Amino acid sequence: GGDGVMRAARHEFLASRGIDADALARGGAALALSELTMAFRAPLRSRDRFRAELSVARVTAARVEFEQRLVRLQEDGGDGDTVLEARATAVRLDARYRPVRLGDMKDRLLG
């Protein structure tokens, strides 16, 4: 569903900034969602082509907020309807699942 596509877009974005979410988890830490709001605007059918968009809306010492959209593509490749809009807040957790500062990750997110 749309939530899986949005998660994949966040992971691809993080990887593009040199942040490996899976490696963080293997090391005992995590970058976890603390909030997720999704608004479904139009249906997406099984053969529809779409593009996932992501931007960093805000970064503080302890959290990052992402804004995301799924846009259906028209047959000519142009933008169609916005299918889904989402806002996700992620926090960094230590091995005991307690929130910690983003540290050097903050600069890479703003990168």
N, C-alpha and C. Protein backbone atom coordinates (compact mmCIF):
# COMPACT_ATOMS: atom_id res chain seq x y z
N GLY A 1 0.81 -1.19 0.00
CA GLY A 1 0.00 0.00 0.00
C GLY A 1 0.85 1.25 0.00
N GLY A 2 0.18 2.38 0.14
CA GLY A 2 0.85 3.67 0.13
C GLY A 2 1.86 3.83 1.25
N ASP A 3 1.57 3.22 2.42
CA ASP A 3 2.49 3.35 3.54
C ASP A 3 3.83 2.67 3.24
N GLY A 4 3.80 1.54 2.52
CA GLY A 4 5.05 0.86 2.16
C GLY A 4 5.87 1.67 1.18
N VAL A 5 5.19 2.32 0.23
CA VAL A 5 5.89 3.16 -0.74
C VAL A 5 6.51 4.36 -0.03
N MET A 6 5.78 4.94 0.90
CA MET A 6 6.30 6.10 1.64
C MET A 6 7.50 5.70 2.49
N ARG A 7 7.43 4.54 3.13
CA ARG A 7 8.56 4.05 3.93
C ARG A 7 9.78 3.84 3.03
N ALA A 8 9.57 3.22 1.87
CA ALA A 8 10.68 2.99 0.94
C ALA A 8 11.29 4.33 0.48
N ALA A 9 10.45 5.33 0.25
CA ALA A 9 10.96 6.65 -0.16
C ALA A 9 11.80 7.27 0.95
N ARG A 10 11.37 7.12 2.21
CA ARG A 10 12.16 7.65 3.32
C ARG A 10 13.50 6.94 3.42
N HIS A 11 13.50 5.61 3.27
CA HIS A 11 14.75 4.85 3.35
C HIS A 11 15.69 5.21 2.20
N GLU A 12 15.15 5.39 1.00
CA GLU A 12 15.99 5.81 -0.14
C GLU A 12 16.58 7.19 0.09
N PHE A 13 15.77 8.09 0.63
CA PHE A 13 16.27 9.43 0.93
C PHE A 13 17.40 9.37 1.95
N LEU A 14 17.19 8.62 3.04
CA LEU A 14 18.22 8.49 4.06
C LEU A 14 19.49 7.92 3.46
N ALA A 15 19.37 6.88 2.63
CA ALA A 15 20.54 6.28 2.00
C ALA A 15 21.27 7.30 1.12
N SER A 16 20.52 8.17 0.44
CA SER A 16 21.14 9.19 -0.41
C SER A 16 21.94 10.19 0.41
N ARG A 17 21.65 10.27 1.71
CA ARG A 17 22.36 11.17 2.62
C ARG A 17 23.38 10.42 3.46
N GLY A 18 23.65 9.17 3.12
CA GLY A 18 24.65 8.39 3.83
C GLY A 18 24.19 7.81 5.15
N ILE A 19 22.87 7.68 5.31
CA ILE A 19 22.31 7.14 6.55
C ILE A 19 21.64 5.81 6.21
N ASP A 20 22.16 4.73 6.79
CA ASP A 20 21.62 3.40 6.54
C ASP A 20 20.74 3.00 7.72
N ALA A 21 19.43 3.08 7.54
CA ALA A 21 18.49 2.80 8.63
C ALA A 21 18.64 1.37 9.13
N ASP A 22 18.88 0.43 8.23
CA ASP A 22 19.05 -0.97 8.64
C ASP A 22 20.33 -1.17 9.45
N ALA A 23 21.41 -0.49 9.06
CA ALA A 23 22.66 -0.59 9.82
C ALA A 23 22.50 0.02 11.21
N LEU A 24 21.75 1.10 11.31
CA LEU A 24 21.47 1.69 12.63
C LEU A 24 20.80 0.65 13.52
N ALA A 25 19.80 -0.03 12.97
CA ALA A 25 19.06 -1.02 13.74
C ALA A 25 19.95 -2.19 14.15
N ARG A 26 20.81 -2.64 13.22
CA ARG A 26 21.72 -3.74 13.56
C ARG A 26 22.69 -3.33 14.66
N GLY A 27 23.02 -2.03 14.73
CA GLY A 27 23.94 -1.54 15.76
C GLY A 27 23.26 -1.25 17.09
N GLY A 28 21.97 -1.55 17.19
CA GLY A 28 21.26 -1.37 18.44
C GLY A 28 20.51 -0.06 18.55
N ALA A 29 20.66 0.83 17.58
CA ALA A 29 19.95 2.10 17.58
C ALA A 29 18.85 2.03 16.53
N ALA A 30 18.11 3.11 16.37
CA ALA A 30 17.06 3.13 15.36
C ALA A 30 16.67 4.56 15.04
N LEU A 31 16.18 4.75 13.86
CA LEU A 31 15.50 5.99 13.47
C LEU A 31 14.06 5.56 13.27
N ALA A 32 13.20 5.92 14.22
CA ALA A 32 11.84 5.40 14.25
C ALA A 32 10.82 6.51 14.11
N LEU A 33 9.68 6.17 13.51
CA LEU A 33 8.59 7.14 13.40
C LEU A 33 7.93 7.32 14.75
N SER A 34 7.74 8.57 15.13
CA SER A 34 6.99 8.86 16.35
C SER A 34 5.59 9.36 15.99
N GLU A 35 5.45 9.88 14.77
CA GLU A 35 4.14 10.35 14.28
C GLU A 35 4.07 10.11 12.79
N LEU A 36 2.87 9.78 12.31
CA LEU A 36 2.63 9.62 10.89
C LEU A 36 1.20 10.00 10.60
N THR A 37 1.02 10.96 9.73
CA THR A 37 -0.31 11.38 9.30
C THR A 37 -0.38 11.19 7.80
N MET A 38 -1.41 10.48 7.33
CA MET A 38 -1.57 10.23 5.92
C MET A 38 -2.98 10.65 5.49
N ALA A 39 -3.06 11.34 4.36
CA ALA A 39 -4.34 11.75 3.80
C ALA A 39 -4.45 11.18 2.39
N PHE A 40 -5.40 10.30 2.21
CA PHE A 40 -5.62 9.69 0.90
C PHE A 40 -6.51 10.63 0.10
N ARG A 41 -6.02 11.08 -1.06
CA ARG A 41 -6.72 12.09 -1.86
C ARG A 41 -7.43 11.50 -3.08
N ALA A 42 -6.92 10.41 -3.60
CA ALA A 42 -7.50 9.79 -4.80
C ALA A 42 -7.08 8.32 -4.82
N PRO A 43 -7.83 7.48 -5.50
CA PRO A 43 -7.45 6.07 -5.56
C PRO A 43 -6.24 5.84 -6.46
N LEU A 44 -5.47 4.84 -6.14
CA LEU A 44 -4.35 4.40 -6.96
C LEU A 44 -4.67 2.97 -7.37
N ARG A 45 -4.74 2.76 -8.67
CA ARG A 45 -5.10 1.43 -9.18
C ARG A 45 -3.84 0.62 -9.47
N SER A 46 -3.99 -0.68 -9.59
CA SER A 46 -2.84 -1.58 -9.66
C SER A 46 -1.90 -1.28 -10.83
N ARG A 47 -2.38 -0.79 -11.93
CA ARG A 47 -1.50 -0.53 -13.09
C ARG A 47 -1.08 0.94 -13.22
N ASP A 48 -1.49 1.77 -12.29
CA ASP A 48 -1.11 3.18 -12.32
C ASP A 48 0.38 3.33 -12.08
N ARG A 49 0.98 4.25 -12.80
CA ARG A 49 2.37 4.62 -12.53
C ARG A 49 2.32 5.85 -11.63
N PHE A 50 3.31 5.97 -10.76
CA PHE A 50 3.30 7.08 -9.81
C PHE A 50 4.73 7.46 -9.45
N ARG A 51 4.85 8.62 -8.83
CA ARG A 51 6.14 9.11 -8.35
C ARG A 51 5.98 9.47 -6.87
N ALA A 52 6.94 9.06 -6.07
CA ALA A 52 6.97 9.43 -4.65
C ALA A 52 7.87 10.65 -4.49
N GLU A 53 7.37 11.65 -3.79
CA GLU A 53 8.15 12.87 -3.52
C GLU A 53 8.37 12.97 -2.02
N LEU A 54 9.53 13.48 -1.64
CA LEU A 54 9.86 13.63 -0.23
C LEU A 54 10.68 14.89 -0.04
N SER A 55 10.37 15.62 1.00
CA SER A 55 11.22 16.76 1.38
C SER A 55 11.32 16.79 2.90
N VAL A 56 12.41 17.36 3.37
CA VAL A 56 12.60 17.55 4.81
C VAL A 56 11.95 18.87 5.16
N ALA A 57 10.92 18.80 5.99
CA ALA A 57 10.20 20.00 6.38
C ALA A 57 10.89 20.73 7.53
N ARG A 58 11.49 19.95 8.43
CA ARG A 58 12.09 20.56 9.63
C ARG A 58 13.02 19.56 10.28
N VAL A 59 14.15 20.05 10.79
CA VAL A 59 15.07 19.22 11.55
C VAL A 59 15.40 19.97 12.84
N THR A 60 15.23 19.30 13.97
CA THR A 60 15.64 19.86 15.25
C THR A 60 16.77 18.98 15.80
N ALA A 61 17.20 19.26 16.99
CA ALA A 61 18.28 18.46 17.59
C ALA A 61 17.85 17.01 17.79
N ALA A 62 16.55 16.77 17.93
CA ALA A 62 16.09 15.43 18.30
C ALA A 62 15.16 14.77 17.29
N ARG A 63 14.68 15.51 16.27
CA ARG A 63 13.73 14.90 15.34
C ARG A 63 13.82 15.49 13.95
N VAL A 64 13.30 14.74 13.01
CA VAL A 64 13.22 15.20 11.63
C VAL A 64 11.79 15.00 11.16
N GLU A 65 11.27 16.00 10.46
CA GLU A 65 9.91 15.92 9.92
C GLU A 65 9.99 15.88 8.41
N PHE A 66 9.35 14.88 7.83
CA PHE A 66 9.30 14.70 6.38
C PHE A 66 7.92 15.05 5.87
N GLU A 67 7.86 15.67 4.69
CA GLU A 67 6.60 15.83 3.96
C GLU A 67 6.71 14.96 2.72
N GLN A 68 5.65 14.20 2.44
CA GLN A 68 5.70 13.26 1.33
C GLN A 68 4.41 13.33 0.52
N ARG A 69 4.55 13.00 -0.78
CA ARG A 69 3.39 12.91 -1.67
C ARG A 69 3.58 11.76 -2.63
N LEU A 70 2.48 11.12 -2.98
CA LEU A 70 2.45 10.19 -4.10
C LEU A 70 1.64 10.87 -5.19
N VAL A 71 2.22 10.96 -6.37
CA VAL A 71 1.56 11.62 -7.49
C VAL A 71 1.38 10.60 -8.61
N ARG A 72 0.15 10.44 -9.07
CA ARG A 72 -0.11 9.56 -10.19
C ARG A 72 0.43 10.22 -11.46
N LEU A 73 1.08 9.42 -12.30
CA LEU A 73 1.61 9.94 -13.55
C LEU A 73 0.59 9.71 -14.66
N GLN A 74 0.48 10.70 -15.54
CA GLN A 74 -0.38 10.55 -16.70
C GLN A 74 0.34 9.70 -17.74
N GLU A 75 -0.38 9.28 -18.76
CA GLU A 75 0.23 8.43 -19.78
C GLU A 75 1.41 9.10 -20.47
N ASP A 76 1.39 10.43 -20.58
CA ASP A 76 2.51 11.15 -21.22
C ASP A 76 3.65 11.41 -20.25
N GLY A 77 3.52 10.91 -19.00
CA GLY A 77 4.58 11.08 -18.01
C GLY A 77 4.41 12.32 -17.15
N GLY A 78 3.45 13.17 -17.49
CA GLY A 78 3.21 14.37 -16.69
C GLY A 78 2.49 14.04 -15.39
N ASP A 79 2.45 15.02 -14.51
CA ASP A 79 1.79 14.82 -13.22
C ASP A 79 0.29 14.72 -13.38
N GLY A 80 -0.28 13.79 -12.64
CA GLY A 80 -1.72 13.67 -12.54
C GLY A 80 -2.15 14.09 -11.15
N ASP A 81 -3.10 13.36 -10.60
CA ASP A 81 -3.63 13.67 -9.27
C ASP A 81 -2.63 13.34 -8.17
N THR A 82 -2.70 14.10 -7.10
CA THR A 82 -2.01 13.71 -5.87
C THR A 82 -2.86 12.62 -5.24
N VAL A 83 -2.25 11.48 -5.04
CA VAL A 83 -2.96 10.31 -4.51
C VAL A 83 -2.90 10.28 -2.99
N LEU A 84 -1.75 10.66 -2.44
CA LEU A 84 -1.53 10.54 -1.00
C LEU A 84 -0.59 11.65 -0.55
N GLU A 85 -0.93 12.27 0.57
CA GLU A 85 -0.05 13.24 1.22
C GLU A 85 0.22 12.73 2.63
N ALA A 86 1.48 12.86 3.07
CA ALA A 86 1.84 12.36 4.39
C ALA A 86 2.83 13.29 5.06
N ARG A 87 2.79 13.28 6.36
CA ARG A 87 3.78 13.99 7.18
C ARG A 87 4.25 12.98 8.22
N ALA A 88 5.56 12.77 8.27
CA ALA A 88 6.14 11.79 9.18
C ALA A 88 7.19 12.46 10.05
N THR A 89 7.18 12.15 11.33
CA THR A 89 8.19 12.63 12.27
C THR A 89 8.99 11.44 12.75
N ALA A 90 10.31 11.52 12.62
CA ALA A 90 11.19 10.44 13.05
C ALA A 90 12.11 10.93 14.15
N VAL A 91 12.41 10.03 15.08
CA VAL A 91 13.34 10.31 16.18
C VAL A 91 14.40 9.23 16.20
N ARG A 92 15.56 9.57 16.71
CA ARG A 92 16.64 8.59 16.86
C ARG A 92 16.52 7.97 18.24
N LEU A 93 16.59 6.64 18.28
CA LEU A 93 16.48 5.91 19.54
C LEU A 93 17.78 5.18 19.83
N ASP A 94 18.14 5.09 21.11
CA ASP A 94 19.33 4.32 21.48
C ASP A 94 18.94 2.85 21.64
N ALA A 95 19.87 2.03 22.09
CA ALA A 95 19.63 0.59 22.21
C ALA A 95 18.52 0.26 23.21
N ARG A 96 18.22 1.19 24.12
CA ARG A 96 17.13 0.96 25.09
C ARG A 96 15.83 1.62 24.63
N TYR A 97 15.81 2.04 23.37
CA TYR A 97 14.65 2.69 22.75
C TYR A 97 14.27 4.00 23.43
N ARG A 98 15.29 4.71 23.90
CA ARG A 98 15.09 6.04 24.46
C ARG A 98 15.50 7.07 23.42
N PRO A 99 14.76 8.17 23.29
CA PRO A 99 15.13 9.20 22.31
C PRO A 99 16.49 9.82 22.64
N VAL A 100 17.29 10.03 21.60
CA VAL A 100 18.58 10.70 21.74
C VAL A 100 18.70 11.73 20.62
N ARG A 101 19.65 12.63 20.77
CA ARG A 101 19.86 13.66 19.75
C ARG A 101 20.30 13.04 18.44
N LEU A 102 19.96 13.73 17.36
CA LEU A 102 20.34 13.25 16.03
C LEU A 102 21.85 13.30 15.82
N GLY A 103 22.53 14.21 16.49
CA GLY A 103 23.99 14.33 16.36
C GLY A 103 24.41 14.64 14.94
N ASP A 104 25.43 13.94 14.44
CA ASP A 104 25.96 14.21 13.10
C ASP A 104 24.93 13.89 12.00
N MET A 105 23.93 13.12 12.32
CA MET A 105 22.88 12.80 11.37
C MET A 105 22.12 14.06 10.95
N LYS A 106 22.03 15.04 11.85
CA LYS A 106 21.30 16.28 11.57
C LYS A 106 21.88 16.98 10.34
N ASP A 107 23.20 17.12 10.30
CA ASP A 107 23.84 17.79 9.15
C ASP A 107 23.60 17.04 7.85
N ARG A 108 23.65 15.71 7.91
CA ARG A 108 23.43 14.91 6.70
C ARG A 108 21.98 15.04 6.22
N LEU A 109 21.03 15.14 7.14
CA LEU A 109 19.63 15.30 6.75
C LEU A 109 19.40 16.63 6.05
N LEU A 110 20.12 17.64 6.48
CA LEU A 110 19.97 18.96 5.87
C LEU A 110 20.75 19.09 4.57
N GLY A 111 21.75 18.20 4.38
CA GLY A 111 22.70 18.13 3.34
C GLY A 111 22.48 18.65 2.05
